[in-house]
Amino acid sequence: MGEQNEPSARTWQELQAAKNAERDSRIPAEWKIKSEDLPPEGTVALRSFASSSGILSDGELAITGEGYDATSLAAAIAEGKFTAVEVVTAFCKRAAVGHQLCNMLTEIMFADAIERAKELDAIFKSTGKVVGPLHGVPMTFKECFHFKGYDSTNGYMSRTFKPAGHTSPLPELLQAAGAVVISKTNVPQTMLVAEADNNVFGRTKNPVNSQLTCGGSSGGEGASQAFRCSALGVGTDVGGSVRIPAACNGVYGYKPTFGVIPMIGYSYSGWTGANTGVPAVTGPLGHSVRDLALFTRVVRDAKPWTFDPAVIPNILEYENTATRKPIVGVIHRSGLTPHPPVRRALREAVAKLKASGFEVRDFNPPDFIRIRDITEQLFTLDGLSYPKQEFGKLNEPVVPSVMKIGFWDLPAKTSEQNWAWNTKKLQIQKEMLDEWQRVGCDVVLAPAGPHTAVLPGDWTSDIYTVAWNSVDYPAVIIPFTHAEPALDPKDVKFEALHEADQKNEEMYDPELFKGAPVALQIAGPRLGDKQLLYDVELLDSVLNGTR
């Protein structure tokens, strides 16, 4: 697996070269794209090269294509239509192609994955049964999970070539259910950036529009799902880190309430035991709402509260879902005015829902800029002393996107300041709850961000996602439409709310953002995750015709 060399014996540049060589060696030679067959520099849309590369057969393209989500793929394997080896090999090959174009993979596990698929096929052949509901389903995980024998760098050069001695409990649980993990995926330095760029692995490209950001911090996972490198992915989210990449890459993503999915034993990117008052959570990215529900059901069926004391038992197990048309609250703008494609998406979504008989009501949350002012202080209680310590070990430079998001120079807080900021956060929670009660809604429809994917490093405002982290409400991203210059011209009558609003508007370039995915975010009440997933599947069927 990973080399055993002590990182401090080499410069960060030498470690970078060695790490890239190690990663490249894990891609079979026959799966590598010849230099003359690579798309020209500046090619915008990269997903079509999965078929034109010639590396995947027609059958493998069908297995990995849009005809299957994780749910239907698991059913096809269970029915004997495909073997686990056929499916896992197909996705490994597609992931190899996607990675060579977009640089989304970190710790590649193709060889181990195919061996595990062979074991699953042997079990199926001898028993006629699958080992679990994810039997043979290829998965990818964000870099911040441990896998025995592989590094857990989280993008820190100081943590290279120190392979983990164990696998984190969540992937172990999913592997026991039959999932086959084929790779980990890229992240940003510090994990507090809506990007996927670090000195260990470099920057990940967005396969839908390679000129734009893939988002972050689960950016490699978002890009992997967009290229269909796996059937189901896992990320983490403390300010939008599942939802922003899902939105940027046009895939589905789910941020649960804290205590629904286990986090214990994952690979921290900061101080273990740190409690900011805004909890990080684990959530899936995938190709359908039912895949998000499948992931959640498999995890909860394993009774994760028996090994993770932070997981709350019996909140999904005993919750009855109502068959209903949920009352939909709508946030059109808070803090920053969304770009024209986002505003159009909301208008079209509201019109579709009303035409289908849904009751839609305006929802006026606490100001999202005010929430961001609070959360940025809570995220930097330590003044980012952990990443600064790690960078200092090898004189590793800070990548530009880390500086641009604005956290780096914020000072550490005293205990008294911490309590004061958390008091302000508690007030936000109360105001959000009061508005929810006033409106009388079941779910809230909102933008995923103040814009679609923007230039790399330019997604510096997480206000539309971190708001839901601050109140610990679950939220789901669904892809909805794409930016289109003819439909989304610049707003010549735009009047800025303030300077930040003006700067946000100035980023909008109709031609540059052409074709960028436009997503919708749907939030539910705290701990109402099971009903939210049920409601969102219904809403998605209306908005995207998925049923």
Protein backbone atom coordinates (compact mmCIF):
# COMPACT_ATOMS: atom_id res chain seq x y z
CA MET A 1 0.00 0.00 0.00
CA GLY A 2 1.56 3.30 1.08
CA GLU A 3 5.32 3.67 1.36
CA GLN A 4 6.71 3.64 4.89
CA ASN A 5 9.17 6.52 4.41
CA GLU A 6 9.10 9.16 7.12
CA PRO A 7 7.76 12.37 5.50
CA SER A 8 10.08 14.67 7.47
CA ALA A 9 13.09 13.12 5.71
CA ARG A 10 11.98 14.64 2.40
CA THR A 11 10.83 18.04 1.20
CA TRP A 12 7.16 18.60 0.47
CA GLN A 13 7.97 18.80 -3.23
CA GLU A 14 9.66 15.38 -3.12
CA LEU A 15 6.73 13.93 -1.22
CA GLN A 16 4.33 15.42 -3.74
CA ALA A 17 6.15 13.74 -6.61
CA ALA A 18 6.30 10.43 -4.77
CA LYS A 19 2.63 10.54 -3.85
CA ASN A 20 1.59 11.28 -7.43
CA ALA A 21 3.78 8.43 -8.67
CA GLU A 22 2.20 6.06 -6.17
CA ARG A 23 -1.30 7.08 -7.23
CA ASP A 24 -0.47 6.74 -10.93
CA SER A 25 0.95 3.25 -10.35
CA ARG A 26 -2.43 2.07 -9.08
CA ILE A 27 -4.05 2.63 -12.49
CA PRO A 28 -3.47 -0.35 -14.82
CA ALA A 29 -1.51 0.56 -17.96
CA GLU A 30 -4.32 -0.64 -20.23
CA TRP A 31 -6.69 1.86 -18.58
CA LYS A 32 -4.49 4.85 -19.24
CA ILE A 33 -5.43 7.32 -21.95
CA LYS A 34 -2.76 7.89 -24.56
CA SER A 35 -1.49 11.45 -24.59
CA GLU A 36 -2.65 11.93 -28.17
CA ASP A 37 -6.18 10.87 -27.17
CA LEU A 38 -6.55 13.31 -24.30
CA PRO A 39 -9.01 16.15 -24.93
CA PRO A 40 -7.38 19.43 -25.93
CA GLU A 41 -6.56 21.82 -23.09
CA GLY A 42 -9.53 24.05 -22.42
CA THR A 43 -12.15 21.45 -23.37
CA VAL A 44 -15.22 22.38 -21.33
CA ALA A 45 -17.40 19.26 -21.22
CA LEU A 46 -15.42 16.17 -20.21
CA ARG A 47 -17.96 13.45 -19.44
CA SER A 48 -18.36 12.32 -23.04
CA PHE A 49 -14.76 11.08 -23.04
CA ALA A 50 -15.86 8.09 -20.96
CA SER A 51 -17.21 6.61 -24.19
CA SER A 52 -14.80 8.12 -26.72
CA SER A 53 -11.69 6.98 -24.80
CA GLY A 54 -12.25 3.42 -26.00
CA ILE A 55 -11.29 2.04 -22.60
CA LEU A 56 -14.78 0.91 -21.61
CA SER A 57 -16.76 -1.63 -23.65
CA ASP A 58 -20.34 -0.93 -24.65
CA GLY A 59 -21.50 -3.19 -21.86
CA GLU A 60 -19.37 -1.37 -19.30
CA LEU A 61 -20.66 1.99 -20.52
CA ALA A 62 -24.21 0.70 -20.02
CA ILE A 63 -23.47 -0.55 -16.49
CA THR A 64 -21.91 2.78 -15.48
CA GLY A 65 -24.28 4.98 -17.46
CA GLU A 66 -27.45 6.87 -16.61
CA GLY A 67 -29.60 3.77 -16.98
CA TYR A 68 -28.72 2.69 -13.44
CA ASP A 69 -28.62 4.34 -10.07
CA ALA A 70 -27.26 2.49 -7.04
CA THR A 71 -30.69 1.11 -6.17
CA SER A 72 -31.37 -0.43 -9.58
CA LEU A 73 -27.77 -1.59 -9.91
CA ALA A 74 -27.98 -3.46 -6.60
CA ALA A 75 -31.20 -5.08 -7.81
CA ALA A 76 -29.60 -6.12 -11.11
CA ILE A 77 -26.69 -7.76 -9.29
CA ALA A 78 -29.05 -9.52 -6.88
CA GLU A 79 -31.05 -10.85 -9.84
CA GLY A 80 -27.88 -12.23 -11.42
CA LYS A 81 -28.00 -9.90 -14.41
CA PHE A 82 -24.45 -8.71 -13.63
CA THR A 83 -21.68 -10.16 -11.53
CA ALA A 84 -19.95 -8.05 -8.92
CA VAL A 85 -16.71 -8.33 -10.88
CA GLU A 86 -18.38 -7.00 -14.04
CA VAL A 87 -19.83 -4.03 -12.21
CA VAL A 88 -16.81 -3.18 -10.09
CA THR A 89 -14.42 -3.50 -13.02
CA ALA A 90 -16.61 -1.27 -15.17
CA PHE A 91 -16.71 1.45 -12.53
CA CYS A 92 -12.99 1.17 -11.82
CA LYS A 93 -12.30 1.70 -15.51
CA ARG A 94 -14.66 4.66 -15.70
CA ALA A 95 -13.11 6.13 -12.56
CA ALA A 96 -9.65 5.72 -14.10
CA VAL A 97 -10.76 7.66 -17.17
CA GLY A 98 -12.49 10.34 -15.12
CA HIS A 99 -9.48 10.77 -12.87
CA GLN A 100 -7.08 11.25 -15.77
CA LEU A 101 -9.30 14.05 -17.03
CA CYS A 102 -10.45 15.64 -13.77
CA ASN A 103 -8.03 14.56 -11.01
CA MET A 104 -10.70 13.55 -8.50
CA LEU A 105 -9.21 10.39 -6.93
CA THR A 106 -6.74 10.24 -4.04
CA GLU A 107 -6.17 6.73 -2.64
CA ILE A 108 -6.98 4.40 -5.54
CA MET A 109 -8.08 0.90 -4.49
CA PHE A 110 -8.92 -0.75 -7.81
CA ALA A 111 -6.91 -3.94 -7.23
CA ASP A 112 -8.38 -4.55 -3.78
CA ALA A 113 -11.87 -3.72 -5.05
CA ILE A 114 -11.77 -6.30 -7.84
CA GLU A 115 -10.48 -8.96 -5.43
CA ARG A 116 -13.36 -8.19 -3.08
CA ALA A 117 -15.80 -8.42 -5.99
CA LYS A 118 -14.47 -11.90 -6.77
CA GLU A 119 -15.15 -12.90 -3.16
CA LEU A 120 -18.70 -11.57 -3.40
CA ASP A 121 -19.31 -13.49 -6.62
CA ALA A 122 -18.06 -16.69 -4.99
CA ILE A 123 -20.46 -16.21 -2.08
CA PHE A 124 -23.36 -15.50 -4.44
CA LYS A 125 -22.54 -18.54 -6.54
CA SER A 126 -22.33 -20.89 -3.57
CA THR A 127 -25.33 -19.57 -1.61
CA GLY A 128 -27.54 -17.96 -4.22
CA LYS A 129 -27.80 -14.96 -1.89
CA VAL A 130 -26.28 -11.51 -1.68
CA VAL A 131 -24.32 -10.59 1.45
CA GLY A 132 -26.41 -7.47 1.93
CA PRO A 133 -28.41 -4.74 0.19
CA LEU A 134 -25.31 -3.15 -1.37
CA HIS A 135 -23.81 -6.40 -2.67
CA GLY A 136 -21.33 -5.48 -5.43
CA VAL A 137 -22.23 -1.77 -5.50
CA PRO A 138 -19.09 0.32 -6.17
CA MET A 139 -18.63 3.25 -3.79
CA THR A 140 -16.19 6.10 -3.34
CA PHE A 141 -15.44 7.94 -0.09
CA LYS A 142 -14.18 11.40 0.66
CA GLU A 143 -10.52 11.44 1.63
CA CYS A 144 -11.33 11.96 5.33
CA PHE A 145 -12.13 8.30 6.07
CA HIS A 146 -9.56 5.73 7.13
CA PHE A 147 -8.96 2.59 5.08
CA LYS A 148 -6.47 0.10 6.42
CA GLY A 149 -3.26 0.15 4.41
CA TYR A 150 -3.95 3.50 2.73
CA ASP A 151 -2.96 7.03 3.69
CA SER A 152 -5.40 9.42 5.33
CA THR A 153 -3.70 12.68 4.40
CA ASN A 154 -6.76 14.95 4.16
CA GLY A 155 -4.58 16.97 1.81
CA TYR A 156 -1.81 17.56 4.39
CA MET A 157 1.66 16.82 3.06
CA SER A 158 2.84 16.02 6.60
CA ARG A 159 0.48 13.03 6.70
CA THR A 160 1.65 11.34 3.49
CA PHE A 161 3.05 7.81 3.54
CA LYS A 162 1.55 7.02 6.93
CA PRO A 163 -1.01 4.33 6.04
CA ALA A 164 -3.91 3.80 8.39
CA GLY A 165 -3.90 0.76 10.63
CA HIS A 166 -7.67 0.41 10.56
CA THR A 167 -10.77 1.21 8.54
CA SER A 168 -13.30 3.74 9.84
CA PRO A 169 -16.54 2.24 11.19
CA LEU A 170 -18.87 3.75 8.56
CA PRO A 171 -17.10 2.22 5.53
CA GLU A 172 -16.74 -1.02 7.46
CA LEU A 173 -20.52 -1.04 7.98
CA LEU A 174 -21.19 -0.40 4.30
CA GLN A 175 -18.65 -3.01 3.21
CA ALA A 176 -20.40 -5.53 5.46
CA ALA A 177 -23.59 -4.69 3.54
CA GLY A 178 -21.80 -5.64 0.31
CA ALA A 179 -20.47 -2.29 -0.92
CA VAL A 180 -17.13 -2.34 -2.71
CA VAL A 181 -14.98 0.75 -2.16
CA ILE A 182 -12.88 1.59 -5.21
CA SER A 183 -11.19 4.87 -4.19
CA LYS A 184 -11.12 7.89 -1.93
CA THR A 185 -11.71 11.34 -3.41
CA ASN A 186 -10.12 14.77 -3.27
CA VAL A 187 -10.57 17.58 -0.73
CA PRO A 188 -9.24 21.10 -0.08
CA GLN A 189 -6.53 22.10 2.34
CA THR A 190 -8.04 22.68 5.83
CA MET A 191 -11.37 21.13 4.71
CA LEU A 192 -12.96 24.58 5.15
CA VAL A 193 -13.03 25.62 1.50
CA ALA A 194 -15.65 25.16 -1.24
CA GLU A 195 -12.98 23.75 -3.54
CA ALA A 196 -10.85 20.59 -3.88
CA ASP A 197 -7.22 21.72 -4.11
CA ASN A 198 -4.18 20.83 -2.04
CA ASN A 199 -0.47 20.29 -2.52
CA VAL A 200 -0.68 16.51 -2.14
CA PHE A 201 -3.11 15.76 -4.96
CA GLY A 202 -3.65 19.04 -6.84
CA ARG A 203 -6.94 20.56 -7.94
CA THR A 204 -10.00 18.64 -9.14
CA LYS A 205 -11.85 19.78 -12.26
CA ASN A 206 -15.60 19.92 -12.71
CA PRO A 207 -16.44 17.32 -15.42
CA VAL A 208 -19.61 19.16 -16.45
CA ASN A 209 -17.75 22.42 -17.09
CA SER A 210 -14.01 22.10 -16.53
CA GLN A 211 -13.57 25.86 -16.38
CA LEU A 212 -15.66 26.06 -13.20
CA THR A 213 -15.14 24.81 -9.66
CA CYS A 214 -16.11 21.32 -8.55
CA GLY A 215 -17.03 22.80 -5.16
CA GLY A 216 -15.99 21.47 -1.80
CA SER A 217 -15.01 20.30 0.56
CA SER A 218 -16.33 17.00 -0.85
CA GLY A 219 -15.35 18.32 -4.29
CA GLY A 220 -13.63 15.19 -5.50
CA GLU A 221 -16.74 13.23 -4.57
CA GLY A 222 -19.03 15.62 -6.42
CA ALA A 223 -16.88 15.34 -9.54
CA SER A 224 -16.75 11.55 -9.17
CA GLN A 225 -20.52 11.29 -9.08
CA ALA A 226 -20.91 13.62 -12.06
CA PHE A 227 -18.52 11.47 -14.11
CA ARG A 228 -20.19 8.35 -12.66
CA CYS A 229 -16.95 7.00 -11.24
CA SER A 230 -18.99 5.11 -8.66
CA ALA A 231 -22.62 4.26 -8.03
CA LEU A 232 -22.71 6.02 -4.66
CA GLY A 233 -20.39 8.38 -2.81
CA VAL A 234 -19.87 9.55 0.77
CA GLY A 235 -18.86 13.03 1.89
CA THR A 236 -18.99 15.16 5.01
CA ASP A 237 -20.68 18.51 5.59
CA VAL A 238 -20.14 21.25 8.19
CA GLY A 239 -20.94 24.30 6.05
CA GLY A 240 -22.13 22.89 2.75
CA SER A 241 -19.41 20.38 1.94
CA VAL A 242 -21.78 17.74 0.56
CA ARG A 243 -24.33 20.13 -0.90
CA ILE A 244 -22.09 22.64 -2.68
CA PRO A 245 -20.26 19.91 -4.69
CA ALA A 246 -23.57 18.21 -5.44
CA ALA A 247 -24.90 21.52 -6.77
CA CYS A 248 -21.75 22.36 -8.74
CA ASN A 249 -21.67 18.97 -10.45
CA GLY A 250 -25.37 18.40 -10.96
CA VAL A 251 -25.88 15.38 -8.67
CA TYR A 252 -27.94 14.58 -5.59
CA GLY A 253 -26.64 15.14 -2.05
CA TYR A 254 -27.97 14.88 1.49
CA LYS A 255 -26.83 16.54 4.70
CA PRO A 256 -28.49 14.76 7.62
CA THR A 257 -29.25 16.03 11.08
CA PHE A 258 -26.38 15.42 13.50
CA GLY A 259 -26.80 12.03 15.15
CA VAL A 260 -28.37 10.23 12.19
CA ILE A 261 -25.23 8.86 10.48
CA PRO A 262 -22.10 7.83 12.43
CA MET A 263 -19.00 10.02 12.29
CA ILE A 264 -16.90 8.19 14.87
CA GLY A 265 -13.42 7.17 13.81
CA TYR A 266 -13.14 9.25 10.67
CA SER A 267 -9.92 11.07 9.76
CA TYR A 268 -10.00 14.52 11.33
CA SER A 269 -8.69 17.58 9.51
CA GLY A 270 -8.40 19.55 12.76
CA TRP A 271 -8.15 18.92 16.48
CA THR A 272 -9.98 15.82 17.67
CA GLY A 273 -12.51 16.68 20.34
CA ALA A 274 -12.99 20.24 19.08
CA ASN A 275 -16.58 21.40 19.57
CA THR A 276 -17.49 24.51 17.60
CA GLY A 277 -21.22 24.29 18.20
CA VAL A 278 -21.77 23.59 14.48
CA PRO A 279 -21.42 19.81 14.12
CA ALA A 280 -19.98 18.11 11.06
CA VAL A 281 -22.06 15.29 9.59
CA THR A 282 -21.59 12.52 7.05
CA GLY A 283 -23.89 12.27 4.05
CA PRO A 284 -24.18 10.60 0.64
CA LEU A 285 -23.89 11.96 -2.90
CA GLY A 286 -25.48 10.01 -5.71
CA HIS A 287 -27.76 9.75 -8.71
CA SER A 288 -31.27 9.76 -7.19
CA VAL A 289 -33.18 10.62 -4.04
CA ARG A 290 -33.91 6.96 -3.51
CA ASP A 291 -30.16 6.28 -3.45
CA LEU A 292 -29.79 8.81 -0.62
CA ALA A 293 -32.60 7.00 1.20
CA LEU A 294 -31.02 3.60 0.49
CA PHE A 295 -27.72 4.73 2.00
CA THR A 296 -29.50 6.04 5.09
CA ARG A 297 -31.61 2.92 5.51
CA VAL A 298 -28.62 0.57 5.22
CA VAL A 299 -26.66 2.57 7.78
CA ARG A 300 -29.53 2.84 10.25
CA ASP A 301 -30.43 -0.86 9.89
CA ALA A 302 -26.95 -1.66 11.23
CA LYS A 303 -27.84 0.08 14.54
CA PRO A 304 -24.90 2.52 14.49
CA TRP A 305 -25.81 3.81 17.96
CA THR A 306 -24.32 0.56 19.28
CA PHE A 307 -20.82 1.72 18.35
CA ASP A 308 -21.09 5.51 18.01
CA PRO A 309 -22.37 7.24 21.16
CA ALA A 310 -23.22 10.39 19.16
CA VAL A 311 -25.81 8.54 17.04
CA ILE A 312 -29.38 8.88 18.27
CA PRO A 313 -31.36 5.61 18.27
CA ASN A 314 -34.97 5.16 17.18
CA ILE A 315 -35.45 8.53 15.45
CA LEU A 316 -35.84 7.08 11.96
CA GLU A 317 -36.85 3.59 13.02
CA TYR A 318 -40.06 4.65 14.80
CA GLU A 319 -40.86 7.70 12.72
CA ASN A 320 -43.86 7.15 10.46
CA THR A 321 -43.76 8.92 7.12
CA ALA A 322 -46.91 10.65 5.97
CA THR A 323 -48.21 10.31 2.43
CA ARG A 324 -48.88 13.94 1.73
CA LYS A 325 -48.29 16.95 -0.42
CA PRO A 326 -45.95 18.88 1.86
CA ILE A 327 -46.50 22.59 2.38
CA VAL A 328 -43.46 24.26 0.83
CA GLY A 329 -41.86 27.39 2.25
CA VAL A 330 -39.68 29.28 -0.24
CA ILE A 331 -36.60 31.42 0.34
CA HIS A 332 -35.94 33.53 -2.75
CA ARG A 333 -33.12 35.63 -1.29
CA SER A 334 -31.30 36.12 2.00
CA GLY A 335 -28.04 38.01 2.41
CA LEU A 336 -26.93 37.76 -1.22
CA THR A 337 -29.04 38.03 -4.38
CA PRO A 338 -28.74 34.80 -6.38
CA HIS A 339 -27.51 34.99 -9.97
CA PRO A 340 -30.13 34.96 -12.75
CA PRO A 341 -30.01 31.17 -13.41
CA VAL A 342 -30.69 30.45 -9.75
CA ARG A 343 -33.55 32.94 -9.57
CA ARG A 344 -35.08 31.42 -12.73
CA ALA A 345 -34.78 27.92 -11.29
CA LEU A 346 -36.67 28.96 -8.18
CA ARG A 347 -39.40 30.65 -10.22
CA GLU A 348 -39.81 27.60 -12.45
CA ALA A 349 -39.81 25.23 -9.50
CA VAL A 350 -42.46 27.24 -7.65
CA ALA A 351 -44.60 27.37 -10.80
CA LYS A 352 -44.35 23.59 -11.27
CA LEU A 353 -45.25 22.91 -7.67
CA LYS A 354 -48.24 25.24 -7.72
CA ALA A 355 -49.44 23.72 -10.99
CA SER A 356 -49.29 20.29 -9.31
CA GLY A 357 -51.40 21.44 -6.39
CA PHE A 358 -48.72 22.13 -3.78
CA GLU A 359 -49.26 25.00 -1.36
CA VAL A 360 -46.28 27.38 -1.47
CA ARG A 361 -45.61 30.05 1.14
CA ASP A 362 -42.86 32.68 1.48
CA PHE A 363 -40.30 31.92 4.18
CA ASN A 364 -38.22 34.73 5.70
CA PRO A 365 -35.28 33.24 7.62
CA PRO A 366 -32.78 35.00 9.87
CA ASP A 367 -30.40 36.96 7.64
CA PHE A 368 -27.97 34.49 6.07
CA ILE A 369 -25.10 36.99 6.10
CA ARG A 370 -25.56 37.35 9.83
CA ILE A 371 -25.46 33.56 10.20
CA ARG A 372 -22.23 33.41 8.16
CA ASP A 373 -20.68 36.09 10.39
CA ILE A 374 -21.32 33.79 13.36
CA THR A 375 -20.26 30.48 11.82
CA GLU A 376 -16.96 31.78 10.45
CA GLN A 377 -15.99 32.69 14.00
CA LEU A 378 -17.06 29.30 15.34
CA PHE A 379 -15.14 27.47 12.59
CA THR A 380 -11.98 29.31 13.59
CA LEU A 381 -12.12 29.06 17.38
CA ASP A 382 -8.52 27.79 17.29
CA GLY A 383 -7.34 30.35 14.72
CA LEU A 384 -6.75 27.33 12.43
CA SER A 385 -3.85 26.29 14.62
CA TYR A 386 -4.04 22.66 13.49
CA PRO A 387 -3.51 23.27 9.75
CA LYS A 388 -0.89 25.91 10.53
CA GLN A 389 0.95 23.34 12.63
CA GLU A 390 0.79 20.74 9.88
CA PHE A 391 1.92 23.15 7.16
CA GLY A 392 4.82 24.26 9.33
CA LYS A 393 6.23 20.75 9.61
CA LEU A 394 7.40 20.81 5.97
CA ASN A 395 7.11 24.52 5.15
CA GLU A 396 4.16 23.56 2.97
CA PRO A 397 2.60 26.59 1.25
CA VAL A 398 -1.05 27.52 1.59
CA VAL A 399 -2.98 27.16 -1.68
CA PRO A 400 -4.76 30.31 -2.96
CA SER A 401 -8.33 29.08 -2.34
CA VAL A 402 -7.63 28.74 1.40
CA MET A 403 -6.55 32.36 1.60
CA LYS A 404 -9.43 33.55 -0.57
CA ILE A 405 -12.25 32.18 1.56
CA GLY A 406 -11.23 34.47 4.42
CA PHE A 407 -10.72 32.17 7.43
CA TRP A 408 -6.92 32.05 7.53
CA ASP A 409 -6.26 35.30 9.39
CA LEU A 410 -9.18 35.14 11.83
CA PRO A 411 -7.80 35.02 15.40
CA ALA A 412 -8.31 32.29 17.97
CA LYS A 413 -11.07 32.94 20.51
CA THR A 414 -11.07 32.85 24.28
CA SER A 415 -13.53 30.60 26.09
CA GLU A 416 -15.65 33.64 26.85
CA GLN A 417 -15.70 34.65 23.18
CA ASN A 418 -16.62 31.08 22.21
CA TRP A 419 -19.58 31.15 24.57
CA ALA A 420 -20.66 34.53 23.24
CA TRP A 421 -20.60 33.34 19.60
CA ASN A 422 -22.49 30.17 20.53
CA THR A 423 -25.09 32.29 22.31
CA LYS A 424 -25.62 34.17 19.05
CA LYS A 425 -25.92 30.86 17.22
CA LEU A 426 -28.58 29.69 19.68
CA GLN A 427 -30.53 32.88 18.97
CA ILE A 428 -30.40 32.05 15.25
CA GLN A 429 -31.75 28.59 15.99
CA LYS A 430 -34.66 30.09 17.91
CA GLU A 431 -35.44 32.61 15.14
CA MET A 432 -35.40 29.87 12.48
CA LEU A 433 -37.71 27.70 14.54
CA ASP A 434 -40.09 30.60 15.14
CA GLU A 435 -40.26 31.38 11.41
CA TRP A 436 -40.91 27.71 10.62
CA GLN A 437 -43.81 27.75 13.06
CA ARG A 438 -45.14 31.06 11.72
CA VAL A 439 -45.14 29.86 8.12
CA GLY A 440 -46.53 26.43 8.99
CA CYS A 441 -44.52 24.67 6.30
CA ASP A 442 -43.28 21.08 6.09
CA VAL A 443 -40.17 21.75 3.99
CA VAL A 444 -38.31 24.83 2.74
CA LEU A 445 -37.19 25.28 -0.86
CA ALA A 446 -34.11 27.50 -1.23
CA PRO A 447 -31.10 28.18 -3.46
CA ALA A 448 -28.08 25.91 -3.07
CA GLY A 449 -25.91 29.00 -3.28
CA PRO A 450 -25.87 32.59 -4.50
CA HIS A 451 -24.72 31.31 -7.89
CA THR A 452 -24.01 28.15 -9.85
CA ALA A 453 -20.46 26.77 -10.01
CA VAL A 454 -18.09 29.71 -10.50
CA LEU A 455 -14.40 29.96 -11.35
CA PRO A 456 -12.12 27.80 -9.18
CA GLY A 457 -11.60 29.42 -5.80
CA ASP A 458 -14.42 31.93 -6.26
CA TRP A 459 -17.09 30.10 -4.22
CA THR A 460 -16.28 31.99 -1.03
CA SER A 461 -19.78 32.43 0.43
CA ASP A 462 -21.50 29.40 1.91
CA ILE A 463 -24.43 31.38 3.31
CA TYR A 464 -27.18 29.33 1.65
CA THR A 465 -25.82 26.04 2.98
CA VAL A 466 -24.17 26.87 6.33
CA ALA A 467 -27.45 28.36 7.51
CA TRP A 468 -28.88 24.83 7.78
CA ASN A 469 -25.76 23.53 9.54
CA SER A 470 -26.05 26.30 12.12
CA VAL A 471 -29.58 25.19 13.06
CA ASP A 472 -28.85 21.47 12.48
CA TYR A 473 -31.67 20.91 9.98
CA PRO A 474 -31.36 18.21 7.30
CA ALA A 475 -31.18 19.36 3.69
CA VAL A 476 -31.12 17.71 0.27
CA ILE A 477 -29.76 18.95 -3.06
CA ILE A 478 -31.52 17.99 -6.27
CA PRO A 479 -30.28 18.97 -9.75
CA PHE A 480 -32.94 20.89 -11.66
CA THR A 481 -31.78 22.82 -14.74
CA HIS A 482 -28.75 24.42 -16.39
CA ALA A 483 -27.59 27.98 -16.92
CA GLU A 484 -28.57 29.25 -20.36
CA PRO A 485 -27.45 32.70 -21.58
CA ALA A 486 -30.63 33.26 -23.59
CA LEU A 487 -32.79 32.60 -20.55
CA ASP A 488 -30.43 34.08 -17.96
CA PRO A 489 -29.06 37.41 -19.22
CA LYS A 490 -27.36 39.81 -16.83
CA ASP A 491 -29.83 41.76 -14.74
CA VAL A 492 -29.48 45.32 -16.04
CA LYS A 493 -31.85 46.57 -13.32
CA PHE A 494 -29.92 44.93 -10.48
CA GLU A 495 -29.78 46.95 -7.27
CA ALA A 496 -27.27 45.67 -4.73
CA LEU A 497 -28.24 45.17 -1.12
CA HIS A 498 -24.69 46.03 -0.04
CA GLU A 499 -21.08 45.81 -1.24
CA ALA A 500 -20.86 42.00 -0.94
CA ASP A 501 -24.05 41.69 -2.99
CA GLN A 502 -22.54 43.87 -5.70
CA LYS A 503 -19.36 41.76 -5.79
CA ASN A 504 -21.43 38.60 -6.04
CA GLU A 505 -23.39 40.00 -8.98
CA GLU A 506 -20.19 41.07 -10.75
CA MET A 507 -19.04 37.44 -10.88
CA TYR A 508 -21.90 36.51 -13.19
CA ASP A 509 -20.87 35.85 -16.79
CA PRO A 510 -23.68 34.27 -18.85
CA GLU A 511 -21.34 32.78 -21.47
CA LEU A 512 -18.76 31.46 -18.99
CA PHE A 513 -21.45 29.78 -16.88
CA LYS A 514 -23.33 28.35 -19.86
CA GLY A 515 -24.42 24.80 -19.13
CA ALA A 516 -23.53 24.96 -15.44
CA PRO A 517 -25.89 22.84 -13.32
CA VAL A 518 -28.50 24.74 -11.33
CA ALA A 519 -29.64 22.91 -8.21
CA LEU A 520 -32.38 23.35 -5.65
CA GLN A 521 -32.00 22.84 -1.90
CA ILE A 522 -34.83 21.43 0.19
CA ALA A 523 -34.57 21.54 3.98
CA GLY A 524 -36.66 19.88 6.64
CA PRO A 525 -37.09 20.23 10.41
CA ARG A 526 -34.42 18.95 12.78
CA LEU A 527 -34.46 15.15 13.12
CA GLY A 528 -37.18 14.94 10.47
CA ASP A 529 -34.79 13.24 8.05
CA LYS A 530 -36.93 10.24 7.15
CA GLN A 531 -39.94 12.37 6.24
CA LEU A 532 -37.70 14.86 4.39
CA LEU A 533 -36.27 12.14 2.16
CA TYR A 534 -39.80 10.89 1.49
CA ASP A 535 -41.04 14.41 0.69
CA VAL A 536 -38.05 15.23 -1.52
CA GLU A 537 -38.58 12.08 -3.57
CA LEU A 538 -42.12 13.27 -4.26
CA LEU A 539 -40.99 16.83 -5.02
CA ASP A 540 -38.23 15.53 -7.29
CA SER A 541 -40.78 13.49 -9.22
CA VAL A 542 -42.77 16.66 -9.86
CA LEU A 543 -39.81 18.91 -10.62
CA ASN A 544 -37.71 16.45 -12.63
CA GLY A 545 -40.22 13.81 -13.70
CA THR A 546 -38.31 11.04 -11.91
CA ARG A 547 -41.32 8.77 -11.32
